PDB file of N, CA and C in Angstrom:
ATOM      1  N   MET A   1       4.447  30.269 -75.016  1.00  0.00           N
ATOM      2  CA  MET A   1       4.015  30.160 -73.997  1.00  0.00           C
ATOM      3  C   MET A   1       4.210  31.521 -72.630  1.00  0.00           C
ATOM      4  N   ALA A   2       5.310  32.090 -73.721  1.00  0.00           N
ATOM      5  CA  ALA A   2       5.884  32.833 -72.249  1.00  0.00           C
ATOM      6  C   ALA A   2       5.017  34.230 -72.710  1.00  0.00           C
ATOM      7  N   GLU A   3       4.197  34.296 -74.023  1.00  0.00           N
ATOM      8  CA  GLU A   3       3.178  35.427 -74.141  1.00  0.00           C
ATOM      9  C   GLU A   3       2.097  35.638 -73.045  1.00  0.00           C
ATOM     10  N   LYS A   4       1.739  33.772 -72.691  1.00  0.00           N
ATOM     11  CA  LYS A   4       0.597  32.972 -71.752  1.00  0.00           C
ATOM     12  C   LYS A   4       1.163  34.090 -70.410  1.00  0.00           C
ATOM     13  N   VAL A   5       2.087  33.778 -70.189  1.00  0.00           N
ATOM     14  CA  VAL A   5       2.825  33.976 -68.818  1.00  0.00           C
ATOM     15  C   VAL A   5       2.775  35.300 -68.465  1.00  0.00           C
ATOM     16  N   ARG A   6       3.601  36.251 -69.504  1.00  0.00           N
ATOM     17  CA  ARG A   6       3.436  37.654 -69.768  1.00  0.00           C
ATOM     18  C   ARG A   6       1.794  37.672 -69.909  1.00  0.00           C
ATOM     19  N   ARG A   7       0.901  37.907 -70.520  1.00  0.00           N
ATOM     20  CA  ARG A   7      -0.465  38.251 -69.926  1.00  0.00           C
ATOM     21  C   ARG A   7      -1.492  37.854 -68.969  1.00  0.00           C
ATOM     22  N   ARG A   8      -1.301  36.611 -67.899  1.00  0.00           N
ATOM     23  CA  ARG A   8      -1.351  36.323 -66.878  1.00  0.00           C
ATOM     24  C   ARG A   8      -0.749  37.845 -66.188  1.00  0.00           C
ATOM     25  N   LEU A   9       0.262  37.655 -66.056  1.00  0.00           N
ATOM     26  CA  LEU A   9       0.805  38.929 -65.417  1.00  0.00           C
ATOM     27  C   LEU A   9       0.416  40.434 -64.738  1.00  0.00           C
ATOM     28  N   ARG A  10      -0.193  40.295 -66.329  1.00  0.00           N
ATOM     29  CA  ARG A  10      -1.048  41.487 -66.726  1.00  0.00           C
ATOM     30  C   ARG A  10      -1.867  41.941 -66.317  1.00  0.00           C
ATOM     31  N   SER A  11      -2.858  40.947 -66.057  1.00  0.00           N
ATOM     32  CA  SER A  11      -3.671  40.490 -66.079  1.00  0.00           C
ATOM     33  C   SER A  11      -3.784  40.449 -63.783  1.00  0.00           C
ATOM     34  N   SER A  12      -2.757  39.877 -63.584  1.00  0.00           N
ATOM     35  CA  SER A  12      -3.039  40.133 -62.000  1.00  0.00           C
ATOM     36  C   SER A  12      -2.502  41.051 -61.433  1.00  0.00           C
ATOM     37  N   THR A  13      -1.281  42.175 -62.289  1.00  0.00           N
ATOM     38  CA  THR A  13      -1.375  43.506 -62.274  1.00  0.00           C
ATOM     39  C   THR A  13      -2.223  44.645 -61.826  1.00  0.00           C
ATOM     40  N   VAL A  14      -3.408  44.329 -62.754  1.00  0.00           N
ATOM     41  CA  VAL A  14      -4.380  44.715 -63.000  1.00  0.00           C
ATOM     42  C   VAL A  14      -5.459  45.016 -61.810  1.00  0.00           C
ATOM     43  N   ILE A  15      -5.626  42.945 -61.443  1.00  0.00           N
ATOM     44  CA  ILE A  15      -6.741  43.238 -60.482  1.00  0.00           C
ATOM     45  C   ILE A  15      -6.070  43.167 -58.822  1.00  0.00           C
ATOM     46  N   LEU A  16      -4.749  43.272 -58.617  1.00  0.00           N
ATOM     47  CA  LEU A  16      -3.980  43.517 -57.146  1.00  0.00           C
ATOM     48  C   LEU A  16      -4.148  45.789 -56.960  1.00  0.00           C
ATOM     49  N   GLY A  17      -3.565  46.366 -57.928  1.00  0.00           N
ATOM     50  CA  GLY A  17      -4.119  47.805 -58.567  1.00  0.00           C
ATOM     51  C   GLY A  17      -5.190  47.928 -58.347  1.00  0.00           C
ATOM     52  N   GLY A  18      -6.477  46.919 -59.309  1.00  0.00           N
ATOM     53  CA  GLY A  18      -7.545  47.217 -58.698  1.00  0.00           C
ATOM     54  C   GLY A  18      -8.057  46.862 -57.612  1.00  0.00           C
ATOM     55  N   MET A  19      -8.023  45.745 -56.707  1.00  0.00           N
ATOM     56  CA  MET A  19      -8.109  45.947 -55.260  1.00  0.00           C
ATOM     57  C   MET A  19      -6.997  46.419 -54.264  1.00  0.00           C
ATOM     58  N   GLY A  20      -6.235  47.214 -54.093  1.00  0.00           N
ATOM     59  CA  GLY A  20      -5.270  48.353 -53.823  1.00  0.00           C
ATOM     60  C   GLY A  20      -6.465  49.745 -53.989  1.00  0.00           C
ATOM     61  N   ALA A  21      -6.714  49.992 -55.004  1.00  0.00           N
ATOM     62  CA  ALA A  21      -6.944  51.505 -54.954  1.00  0.00           C
ATOM     63  C   ALA A  21      -8.836  51.414 -53.920  1.00  0.00           C
ATOM     64  N   LEU A  22      -9.568  50.191 -53.778  1.00  0.00           N
ATOM     65  CA  LEU A  22     -10.412  50.448 -53.131  1.00  0.00           C
ATOM     66  C   LEU A  22     -10.401  49.505 -52.104  1.00  0.00           C
ATOM     67  N   ALA A  23      -9.441  49.537 -51.908  1.00  0.00           N
ATOM     68  CA  ALA A  23      -8.733  49.592 -50.154  1.00  0.00           C
ATOM     69  C   ALA A  23      -9.085  50.423 -49.907  1.00  0.00           C
ATOM     70  N   ALA A  24      -8.304  51.280 -50.473  1.00  0.00           N
ATOM     71  CA  ALA A  24      -7.504  52.927 -50.153  1.00  0.00           C
ATOM     72  C   ALA A  24      -8.850  53.294 -50.453  1.00  0.00           C
ATOM     73  N   ALA A  25      -9.829  53.572 -50.749  1.00  0.00           N
ATOM     74  CA  ALA A  25     -11.082  54.248 -51.355  1.00  0.00           C
ATOM     75  C   ALA A  25     -11.921  53.669 -49.690  1.00  0.00           C
ATOM     76  N   LEU A  26     -11.932  52.615 -49.247  1.00  0.00           N
ATOM     77  CA  LEU A  26     -13.022  52.422 -48.000  1.00  0.00           C
ATOM     78  C   LEU A  26     -12.064  52.490 -47.039  1.00  0.00           C
ATOM     79  N   THR A  27     -10.935  53.247 -47.228  1.00  0.00           N
ATOM     80  CA  THR A  27     -10.397  53.415 -45.991  1.00  0.00           C
ATOM     81  C   THR A  27     -10.122  54.546 -45.177  1.00  0.00           C
ATOM     82  N   SER A  28     -10.590  55.364 -46.765  1.00  0.00           N
ATOM     83  CA  SER A  28     -10.140  56.637 -46.036  1.00  0.00           C
ATOM     84  C   SER A  28     -11.095  57.358 -46.455  1.00  0.00           C
ATOM     85  N   CYS A  29     -12.185  57.074 -45.856  1.00  0.00           N
ATOM     86  CA  CYS A  29     -13.186  58.108 -45.253  1.00  0.00           C
ATOM     87  C   CYS A  29     -12.871  59.712 -44.527  1.00  0.00           C
ATOM     88  N   GLY A  30     -14.328  60.211 -44.701  1.00  0.00           N
ATOM     89  CA  GLY A  30     -14.026  60.919 -43.784  1.00  0.00           C
ATOM     90  C   GLY A  30     -14.145  60.664 -42.854  1.00  0.00           C
ATOM     91  N   SER A  31     -14.281  61.890 -41.552  1.00  0.00           N
ATOM     92  CA  SER A  31     -14.627  61.445 -40.192  1.00  0.00           C
ATOM     93  C   SER A  31     -15.945  61.605 -39.671  1.00  0.00           C
ATOM     94  N   GLU A  32     -16.675  61.966 -40.947  1.00  0.00           N
ATOM     95  CA  GLU A  32     -18.773  61.683 -39.982  1.00  0.00           C
ATOM     96  C   GLU A  32     -19.159  60.314 -40.039  1.00  0.00           C
ATOM     97  N   PRO A  33     -18.701  59.367 -39.578  1.00  0.00           N
ATOM     98  CA  PRO A  33     -19.501  58.410 -39.440  1.00  0.00           C
ATOM     99  C   PRO A  33     -21.162  58.072 -39.546  1.00  0.00           C
ATOM    100  N   ASP A  34     -22.088  57.489 -40.380  1.00  0.00           N
ATOM    101  CA  ASP A  34     -22.858  57.204 -40.593  1.00  0.00           C
ATOM    102  C   ASP A  34     -23.367  57.294 -38.264  1.00  0.00           C
ATOM    103  N   LYS A  35     -24.912  58.374 -38.299  1.00  0.00           N
ATOM    104  CA  LYS A  35     -25.153  58.444 -37.395  1.00  0.00           C
ATOM    105  C   LYS A  35     -26.959  57.918 -37.198  1.00  0.00           C
ATOM    106  N   ARG A  36     -27.668  57.663 -36.416  1.00  0.00           N
ATOM    107  CA  ARG A  36     -28.917  58.468 -36.096  1.00  0.00           C
ATOM    108  C   ARG A  36     -29.566  58.599 -35.091  1.00  0.00           C
ATOM    109  N   CYS A  37     -30.597  59.643 -34.826  1.00  0.00           N
ATOM    110  CA  CYS A  37     -30.845  59.792 -33.415  1.00  0.00           C
ATOM    111  C   CYS A  37     -31.963  58.612 -33.141  1.00  0.00           C
ATOM    112  N   VAL A  38     -31.361  57.740 -31.544  1.00  0.00           N
ATOM    113  CA  VAL A  38     -32.495  57.304 -30.944  1.00  0.00           C
ATOM    114  C   VAL A  38     -32.750  57.534 -29.170  1.00  0.00           C
ATOM    115  N   ASP A  39     -33.850  56.708 -28.664  1.00  0.00           N
ATOM    116  CA  ASP A  39     -34.116  56.625 -27.441  1.00  0.00           C
ATOM    117  C   ASP A  39     -33.349  56.346 -26.683  1.00  0.00           C
ATOM    118  N   ARG A  40     -32.460  56.500 -25.988  1.00  0.00           N
ATOM    119  CA  ARG A  40     -31.791  56.194 -25.612  1.00  0.00           C
ATOM    120  C   ARG A  40     -32.451  54.940 -23.582  1.00  0.00           C
ATOM    121  N   GLY A  41     -34.058  55.521 -23.584  1.00  0.00           N
ATOM    122  CA  GLY A  41     -34.552  55.005 -22.810  1.00  0.00           C
ATOM    123  C   GLY A  41     -35.479  53.611 -23.310  1.00  0.00           C
ATOM    124  N   SER A  42     -35.271  53.231 -24.462  1.00  0.00           N
ATOM    125  CA  SER A  42     -36.231  52.800 -25.946  1.00  0.00           C
ATOM    126  C   SER A  42     -35.751  51.319 -25.543  1.00  0.00           C
ATOM    127  N   TYR A  43     -34.029  51.130 -24.661  1.00  0.00           N
ATOM    128  CA  TYR A  43     -33.414  49.804 -25.552  1.00  0.00           C
ATOM    129  C   TYR A  43     -34.264  48.488 -25.326  1.00  0.00           C
ATOM    130  N   ASP A  44     -33.917  47.721 -26.070  1.00  0.00           N
ATOM    131  CA  ASP A  44     -35.000  46.438 -25.750  1.00  0.00           C
ATOM    132  C   ASP A  44     -33.430  45.128 -26.756  1.00  0.00           C
ATOM    133  N   ALA A  45     -33.611  43.980 -25.406  1.00  0.00           N
ATOM    134  CA  ALA A  45     -32.366  43.462 -25.924  1.00  0.00           C
ATOM    135  C   ALA A  45     -32.479  42.418 -27.475  1.00  0.00           C
ATOM    136  N   LEU A  46     -34.022  43.189 -27.854  1.00  0.00           N
ATOM    137  CA  LEU A  46     -34.395  42.501 -29.230  1.00  0.00           C
ATOM    138  C   LEU A  46     -34.177  43.042 -29.913  1.00  0.00           C
ATOM    139  N   THR A  47     -34.074  44.802 -30.347  1.00  0.00           N
ATOM    140  CA  THR A  47     -34.335  45.692 -30.888  1.00  0.00           C
ATOM    141  C   THR A  47     -32.972  46.043 -31.088  1.00  0.00           C
ATOM    142  N   GLY A  48     -33.282  46.266 -29.975  1.00  0.00           N
ATOM    143  CA  GLY A  48     -32.367  47.513 -30.601  1.00  0.00           C
ATOM    144  C   GLY A  48     -32.734  49.477 -29.960  1.00  0.00           C
ATOM    145  N   TYR A  49     -32.338  50.079 -29.799  1.00  0.00           N
ATOM    146  CA  TYR A  49     -32.756  51.189 -29.263  1.00  0.00           C
ATOM    147  C   TYR A  49     -33.344  52.087 -30.680  1.00  0.00           C
ATOM    148  N   ARG A  50     -35.111  52.155 -29.736  1.00  0.00           N
ATOM    149  CA  ARG A  50     -35.381  52.931 -31.499  1.00  0.00           C
ATOM    150  C   ARG A  50     -34.944  54.304 -32.082  1.00  0.00           C
ATOM    151  N   VAL A  51     -34.958  54.289 -33.225  1.00  0.00           N
ATOM    152  CA  VAL A  51     -34.775  55.101 -33.801  1.00  0.00           C
ATOM    153  C   VAL A  51     -36.371  56.492 -33.543  1.00  0.00           C
ATOM    154  N   VAL A  52     -36.069  57.642 -33.175  1.00  0.00           N
ATOM    155  CA  VAL A  52     -36.633  59.072 -32.809  1.00  0.00           C
ATOM    156  C   VAL A  52     -35.737  60.206 -33.970  1.00  0.00           C
ATOM    157  N   ASP A  53     -37.059  61.354 -34.039  1.00  0.00           N
ATOM    158  CA  ASP A  53     -36.781  62.356 -35.228  1.00  0.00           C
ATOM    159  C   ASP A  53     -34.838  62.975 -34.561  1.00  0.00           C
ATOM    160  N   SER A  54     -34.843  63.802 -35.864  1.00  0.00           N
ATOM    161  CA  SER A  54     -33.565  63.734 -35.365  1.00  0.00           C
ATOM    162  C   SER A  54     -33.369  65.482 -34.635  1.00  0.00           C
ATOM    163  N   LYS A  55     -34.549  65.349 -34.279  1.00  0.00           N
ATOM    164  CA  LYS A  55     -34.982  67.271 -34.012  1.00  0.00           C
ATOM    165  C   LYS A  55     -34.487  66.969 -31.972  1.00  0.00           C
ATOM    166  N   ASN A  56     -34.936  65.378 -31.532  1.00  0.00           N
ATOM    167  CA  ASN A  56     -34.211  65.260 -30.368  1.00  0.00           C
ATOM    168  C   ASN A  56     -32.840  65.129 -29.409  1.00  0.00           C
ATOM    169  N   CYS A  57     -32.124  65.218 -31.034  1.00  0.00           N
ATOM    170  CA  CYS A  57     -31.033  64.547 -30.328  1.00  0.00           C
ATOM    171  C   CYS A  57     -29.838  65.888 -30.319  1.00  0.00           C
ATOM    172  N   THR A  58     -29.337  66.932 -29.556  1.00  0.00           N
ATOM    173  CA  THR A  58     -28.870  68.241 -30.418  1.00  0.00           C
ATOM    174  C   THR A  58     -27.472  68.054 -31.057  1.00  0.00           C
ATOM    175  N   SER A  59     -27.099  69.240 -31.834  1.00  0.00           N
ATOM    176  CA  SER A  59     -25.512  68.430 -32.681  1.00  0.00           C
ATOM    177  C   SER A  59     -24.005  69.206 -32.300  1.00  0.00           C
ATOM    178  N   GLY A  60     -24.543  69.129 -31.276  1.00  0.00           N
ATOM    179  CA  GLY A  60     -23.268  69.849 -30.552  1.00  0.00           C
ATOM    180  C   GLY A  60     -22.582  68.408 -29.697  1.00  0.00           C
ATOM    181  N   GLY A  61     -23.258  68.288 -29.538  1.00  0.00           N
ATOM    182  CA  GLY A  61     -23.076  66.901 -28.597  1.00  0.00           C
ATOM    183  C   GLY A  61     -23.986  66.025 -28.102  1.00  0.00           C
ATOM    184  N   THR A  62     -23.773  65.269 -26.321  1.00  0.00           N
ATOM    185  CA  THR A  62     -25.495  64.122 -26.402  1.00  0.00           C
ATOM    186  C   THR A  62     -26.326  64.535 -25.379  1.00  0.00           C
ATOM    187  N   SER A  63     -27.026  64.372 -25.432  1.00  0.00           N
ATOM    188  CA  SER A  63     -28.426  64.850 -24.421  1.00  0.00           C
ATOM    189  C   SER A  63     -27.566  64.551 -22.691  1.00  0.00           C
ATOM    190  N   ALA A  64     -26.704  63.863 -22.634  1.00  0.00           N
ATOM    191  CA  ALA A  64     -26.647  63.149 -21.443  1.00  0.00           C
ATOM    192  C   ALA A  64     -25.260  64.773 -20.989  1.00  0.00           C
ATOM    193  N   ALA A  65     -24.014  64.921 -21.930  1.00  0.00           N
ATOM    194  CA  ALA A  65     -23.698  65.619 -21.970  1.00  0.00           C
ATOM    195  C   ALA A  65     -24.147  67.348 -21.633  1.00  0.00           C
ATOM    196  N   LYS A  66     -24.936  67.459 -21.863  1.00  0.00           N
ATOM    197  CA  LYS A  66     -25.692  68.839 -22.166  1.00  0.00           C
ATOM    198  C   LYS A  66     -26.888  68.879 -20.751  1.00  0.00           C
ATOM    199  N   GLY A  67     -26.380  67.494 -20.124  1.00  0.00           N
ATOM    200  CA  GLY A  67     -26.827  67.788 -18.963  1.00  0.00           C
ATOM    201  C   GLY A  67     -28.531  67.454 -18.160  1.00  0.00           C
ATOM    202  N   GLY A  68     -29.205  65.836 -19.123  1.00  0.00           N
ATOM    203  CA  GLY A  68     -30.623  65.858 -18.917  1.00  0.00           C
ATOM    204  C   GLY A  68     -31.192  65.446 -20.270  1.00  0.00           C
ATOM    205  N   LYS A  69     -32.229  65.621 -19.816  1.00  0.00           N
ATOM    206  CA  LYS A  69     -33.635  65.124 -21.317  1.00  0.00           C
ATOM    207  C   LYS A  69     -33.582  66.501 -22.101  1.00  0.00           C
ATOM    208  N   LYS A  70     -34.267  65.673 -23.556  1.00  0.00           N
ATOM    209  CA  LYS A  70     -34.453  66.637 -24.520  1.00  0.00           C
ATOM    210  C   LYS A  70     -35.291  66.128 -25.683  1.00  0.00           C
ATOM    211  N   GLY A  71     -36.166  67.011 -26.124  1.00  0.00           N
ATOM    212  CA  GLY A  71     -36.693  66.187 -27.116  1.00  0.00           C
ATOM    213  C   GLY A  71     -37.854  65.830 -26.582  1.00  0.00           C
ATOM    214  N   GLY A  72     -38.918  65.331 -27.314  1.00  0.00           N
ATOM    215  CA  GLY A  72     -40.139  65.680 -27.140  1.00  0.00           C
ATOM    216  C   GLY A  72     -40.971  64.261 -25.968  1.00  0.00           C
ATOM    217  N   ARG A  73     -41.899  63.948 -26.066  1.00  0.00           N
ATOM    218  CA  ARG A  73     -42.227  63.244 -25.501  1.00  0.00           C
ATOM    219  C   ARG A  73     -42.830  61.643 -26.278  1.00  0.00           C
ATOM    220  N   SER A  74     -42.865  60.518 -25.768  1.00  0.00           N
ATOM    221  CA  SER A  74     -43.086  59.555 -26.589  1.00  0.00           C
ATOM    222  C   SER A  74     -43.916  58.811 -24.748  1.00  0.00           C
ATOM    223  N   GLY A  75     -45.216  58.416 -25.440  1.00  0.00           N
ATOM    224  CA  GLY A  75     -45.805  57.439 -24.414  1.00  0.00           C
ATOM    225  C   GLY A  75     -45.869  57.654 -23.133  1.00  0.00           C
ATOM    226  N   GLY A  76     -46.030  59.887 -23.309  1.00  0.00           N
ATOM    227  CA  GLY A  76     -45.952  59.903 -21.972  1.00  0.00           C
ATOM    228  C   GLY A  76     -44.516  60.045 -20.885  1.00  0.00           C
ATOM    229  N   ARG A  77     -44.291  59.964 -21.372  1.00  0.00           N
ATOM    230  CA  ARG A  77     -42.289  60.539 -20.618  1.00  0.00           C
ATOM    231  C   ARG A  77     -41.609  61.290 -21.839  1.00  0.00           C
ATOM    232  N   GLN A  78     -40.401  61.841 -21.498  1.00  0.00           N
ATOM    233  CA  GLN A  78     -39.320  62.748 -22.027  1.00  0.00           C
ATOM    234  C   GLN A  78     -38.663  61.459 -22.750  1.00  0.00           C
ATOM    235  N   ILE A  79     -38.185  62.006 -24.272  1.00  0.00           N
ATOM    236  CA  ILE A  79     -37.077  60.942 -25.056  1.00  0.00           C
ATOM    237  C   ILE A  79     -35.629  61.445 -24.662  1.00  0.00           C
ATOM    238  N   ASP A  80     -34.920  60.344 -24.469  1.00  0.00           N
ATOM    239  CA  ASP A  80     -33.760  60.437 -23.793  1.00  0.00           C
ATOM    240  C   ASP A  80     -32.699  60.868 -25.393  1.00  0.00           C
ATOM    241  N   GLY A  81     -33.424  61.705 -25.790  1.00  0.00           N
ATOM    242  CA  GLY A  81     -32.736  61.632 -28.232  1.00  0.00           C
ATOM    243  C   GLY A  81     -30.987  62.281 -27.114  1.00  0.00           C
ATOM    244  N   GLN A  82     -30.057  60.573 -27.867  1.00  0.00           N
ATOM    245  CA  GLN A  82     -28.713  60.604 -28.364  1.00  0.00           C
ATOM    246  C   GLN A  82     -28.584  59.846 -29.323  1.00  0.00           C
ATOM    247  N   TRP A  83     -27.213  61.134 -30.061  1.00  0.00           N
ATOM    248  CA  TRP A  83     -26.530  60.296 -31.581  1.00  0.00           C
ATOM    249  C   TRP A  83     -26.435  58.859 -31.170  1.00  0.00           C
ATOM    250  N   TYR A  84     -26.677  57.937 -32.208  1.00  0.00           N
ATOM    251  CA  TYR A  84     -25.738  56.588 -31.554  1.00  0.00           C
ATOM    252  C   TYR A  84     -25.137  55.864 -33.321  1.00  0.00           C
ATOM    253  N   TYR A  85     -23.772  55.809 -33.210  1.00  0.00           N
ATOM    254  CA  TYR A  85     -22.763  55.783 -34.533  1.00  0.00           C
ATOM    255  C   TYR A  85     -23.018  54.212 -34.586  1.00  0.00           C
ATOM    256  N   ASP A  86     -22.926  53.620 -36.305  1.00  0.00           N
ATOM    257  CA  ASP A  86     -22.417  52.935 -37.155  1.00  0.00           C
ATOM    258  C   ASP A  86     -23.282  51.990 -36.460  1.00  0.00           C
ATOM    259  N   ALA A  87     -24.298  51.752 -36.431  1.00  0.00           N
ATOM    260  CA  ALA A  87     -25.322  51.379 -35.635  1.00  0.00           C
ATOM    261  C   ALA A  87     -25.948  50.046 -37.149  1.00  0.00           C
ATOM    262  N   ASP A  88     -26.287  49.245 -37.431  1.00  0.00           N
ATOM    263  CA  ASP A  88     -27.443  47.959 -37.542  1.00  0.00           C
ATOM    264  C   ASP A  88     -29.043  49.081 -37.540  1.00  0.00           C
ATOM    265  N   VAL A  89     -29.320  48.766 -38.680  1.00  0.00           N
ATOM    266  CA  VAL A  89     -30.989  50.016 -38.798  1.00  0.00           C
ATOM    267  C   VAL A  89     -32.068  48.731 -39.622  1.00  0.00           C
ATOM    268  N   ASP A  90     -33.233  48.420 -38.131  1.00  0.00           N
ATOM    269  CA  ASP A  90     -33.751  47.530 -38.725  1.00  0.00           C
ATOM    270  C   ASP A  90     -34.940  48.033 -38.616  1.00  0.00           C
ATOM    271  N   ARG A  91     -36.526  48.146 -39.667  1.00  0.00           N
ATOM    272  CA  ARG A  91     -37.780  48.454 -38.859  1.00  0.00           C
ATOM    273  C   ARG A  91     -37.712  49.429 -37.832  1.00  0.00           C
ATOM    274  N   GLY A  92     -36.767  50.933 -38.118  1.00  0.00           N
ATOM    275  CA  GLY A  92     -37.333  51.310 -36.343  1.00  0.00           C
ATOM    276  C   GLY A  92     -36.181  51.544 -35.924  1.00  0.00           C
ATOM    277  N   TYR A  93     -35.675  50.467 -35.280  1.00  0.00           N
ATOM    278  CA  TYR A  93     -34.029  50.320 -34.696  1.00  0.00           C
ATOM    279  C   TYR A  93     -33.098  49.878 -34.834  1.00  0.00           C
ATOM    280  N   ALA A  94     -32.024  50.608 -34.693  1.00  0.00           N
ATOM    281  CA  ALA A  94     -30.937  50.354 -34.126  1.00  0.00           C
ATOM    282  C   ALA A  94     -30.407  49.787 -33.052  1.00  0.00           C
ATOM    283  N   ASP A  95     -28.957  49.026 -33.863  1.00  0.00           N
ATOM    284  CA  ASP A  95     -28.293  48.327 -32.185  1.00  0.00           C
ATOM    285  C   ASP A  95     -27.121  47.585 -32.645  1.00  0.00           C
ATOM    286  N   TYR A  96     -25.702  47.157 -32.202  1.00  0.00           N
ATOM    287  CA  TYR A  96     -25.036  47.519 -32.743  1.00  0.00           C
ATOM    288  C   TYR A  96     -23.760  48.812 -33.375  1.00  0.00           C
ATOM    289  N   GLY A  97     -23.743  49.331 -32.432  1.00  0.00           N
ATOM    290  CA  GLY A  97     -23.654  50.698 -32.435  1.00  0.00           C
ATOM    291  C   GLY A  97     -22.864  50.910 -31.676  1.00  0.00           C
ATOM    292  N   THR A  98     -23.093  52.675 -31.798  1.00  0.00           N
ATOM    293  CA  THR A  98     -21.494  53.177 -30.353  1.00  0.00           C
ATOM    294  C   THR A  98     -22.431  54.872 -30.259  1.00  0.00           C
ATOM    295  N   PHE A  99     -22.001  54.905 -28.766  1.00  0.00           N
ATOM    296  CA  PHE A  99     -22.523  56.379 -28.181  1.00  0.00           C
ATOM    297  C   PHE A  99     -21.640  56.955 -28.941  1.00  0.00           C
ATOM    298  N   SER A 100     -20.583  57.031 -29.148  1.00  0.00           N
ATOM    299  CA  SER A 100     -19.341  57.343 -28.825  1.00  0.00           C
ATOM    300  C   SER A 100     -18.923  57.592 -30.540  1.00  0.00           C
ATOM    301  N   LYS A 101     -18.626  59.094 -31.226  1.00  0.00           N
ATOM    302  CA  LYS A 101     -18.288  59.413 -31.973  1.00  0.00           C
ATOM    303  C   LYS A 101     -16.169  58.958 -32.270  1.00  0.00           C
ATOM    304  N   SER A 102     -15.697  59.628 -31.798  1.00  0.00           N
ATOM    305  CA  SER A 102     -14.248  59.151 -32.085  1.00  0.00           C
ATOM    306  C   SER A 102     -14.688  57.360 -31.976  1.00  0.00           C
ATOM    307  N   GLN A 103     -14.847  57.186 -31.436  1.00  0.00           N
ATOM    308  CA  GLN A 103     -14.973  55.088 -31.134  1.00  0.00           C
ATOM    309  C   GLN A 103     -14.894  54.614 -32.658  1.00  0.00           C
ATOM    310  N   ALA A 104     -16.684  55.555 -33.471  1.00  0.00           N
ATOM    311  CA  ALA A 104     -17.431  55.263 -34.854  1.00  0.00           C
ATOM    312  C   ALA A 104     -15.528  55.895 -35.974  1.00  0.00           C
ATOM    313  N   VAL A 105     -15.633  56.808 -35.651  1.00  0.00           N
ATOM    314  CA  VAL A 105     -14.403  57.375 -36.649  1.00  0.00           C
ATOM    315  C   VAL A 105     -13.693  56.382 -36.942  1.00  0.00           C
ATOM    316  N   ASP A 106     -12.657  55.517 -35.396  1.00  0.00           N
ATOM    317  CA  ASP A 106     -11.891  55.015 -35.163  1.00  0.00           C
ATOM    318  C   ASP A 106     -12.312  53.653 -36.272  1.00  0.00           C
ATOM    319  N   ARG A 107     -13.307  52.993 -35.954  1.00  0.00           N
ATOM    320  CA  ARG A 107     -13.738  51.817 -36.760  1.00  0.00           C
ATOM    321  C   ARG A 107     -13.630  51.615 -38.487  1.00  0.00           C
ATOM    322  N   GLY A 108     -13.676  53.001 -38.929  1.00  0.00           N
ATOM    323  CA  GLY A 108     -13.515  53.787 -40.805  1.00  0.00           C
ATOM    324  C   GLY A 108     -14.085  52.632 -41.771  1.00  0.00           C
ATOM    325  N   GLY A 109     -13.757  52.353 -42.331  1.00  0.00           N
ATOM    326  CA  GLY A 109     -14.330  50.929 -43.288  1.00  0.00           C
ATOM    327  C   GLY A 109     -15.602  51.416 -44.203  1.00  0.00           C
ATOM    328  N   PHE A 110     -16.916  50.879 -44.100  1.00  0.00           N
ATOM    329  CA  PHE A 110     -17.585  50.864 -43.988  1.00  0.00           C
ATOM    330  C   PHE A 110     -19.014  52.404 -43.855  1.00  0.00           C
ATOM    331  N   GLY A 111     -18.335  52.558 -42.193  1.00  0.00           N
ATOM    332  CA  GLY A 111     -18.888  53.559 -41.559  1.00  0.00           C
ATOM    333  C   GLY A 111     -18.886  54.605 -42.132  1.00  0.00           C
ATOM    334  N   CYS A 112     -18.374  55.114 -43.492  1.00  0.00           N
ATOM    335  CA  CYS A 112     -17.884  56.402 -42.982  1.00  0.00           C
ATOM    336  C   CYS A 112     -19.621  56.735 -44.538  1.00  0.00           C
ATOM    337  N   SER A 113     -20.251  56.493 -44.476  1.00  0.00           N
ATOM    338  CA  SER A 113     -21.166  56.910 -45.316  1.00  0.00           C
ATOM    339  C   SER A 113     -22.888  58.235 -45.019  1.00  0.00           C
ATOM    340  N   GLY A 114     -22.080  59.441 -44.108  1.00  0.00           N
ATOM    341  CA  GLY A 114     -21.884  60.286 -44.075  1.00  0.00           C
ATOM    342  C   GLY A 114     -23.427  60.636 -42.727  1.00  0.00           C
ATOM    343  N   SER A 115     -23.437  61.346 -42.490  1.00  0.00           N
ATOM    344  CA  SER A 115     -24.765  61.196 -41.654  1.00  0.00           C
ATOM    345  C   SER A 115     -25.711  61.200 -42.138  1.00  0.00           C
ATOM    346  N   ALA A 116     -26.524  60.680 -41.137  1.00  0.00           N
ATOM    347  CA  ALA A 116     -28.414  60.384 -41.775  1.00  0.00           C
ATOM    348  C   ALA A 116     -29.455  60.248 -40.741  1.00  0.00           C
ATOM    349  N   GLY A 117     -29.729  61.416 -40.314  1.00  0.00           N
ATOM    350  CA  GLY A 117     -30.660  61.495 -38.968  1.00  0.00           C
ATOM    351  C   GLY A 117     -31.907  61.185 -39.465  1.00  0.00           C
ATOM    352  N   GLY A 118     -32.383  60.508 -37.955  1.00  0.00           N
ATOM    353  CA  GLY A 118     -33.822  60.153 -38.955  1.00  0.00           C
ATOM    354  C   GLY A 118     -35.132  60.722 -38.846  1.00  0.00           C
TER     355      GLY A 118
END
């Protein structure tokens, strides 16, 4: 019986140690969250923002901070491209994210998959 208890203790120690290592790995990601370039003028309540080519977003900050519209045209109007962080992306649309990079970094966790301009 004592041997059985010792074996359980050893197994639970390994499991707890593994869970701790996994938790540390998931929360200690770098400071670059997942990002998509979206057209701020394309928001739809059902689908979110339309993902556009990353050349429509500036690498140094948001288009609003740089003073206006950036990028090409979409249906006869300028694309207001801006980086959108930690969003759910589905069929070319991004939603439930944030335009604030610092807010996205504070979230941590699974939002650490690197940049993926679109």
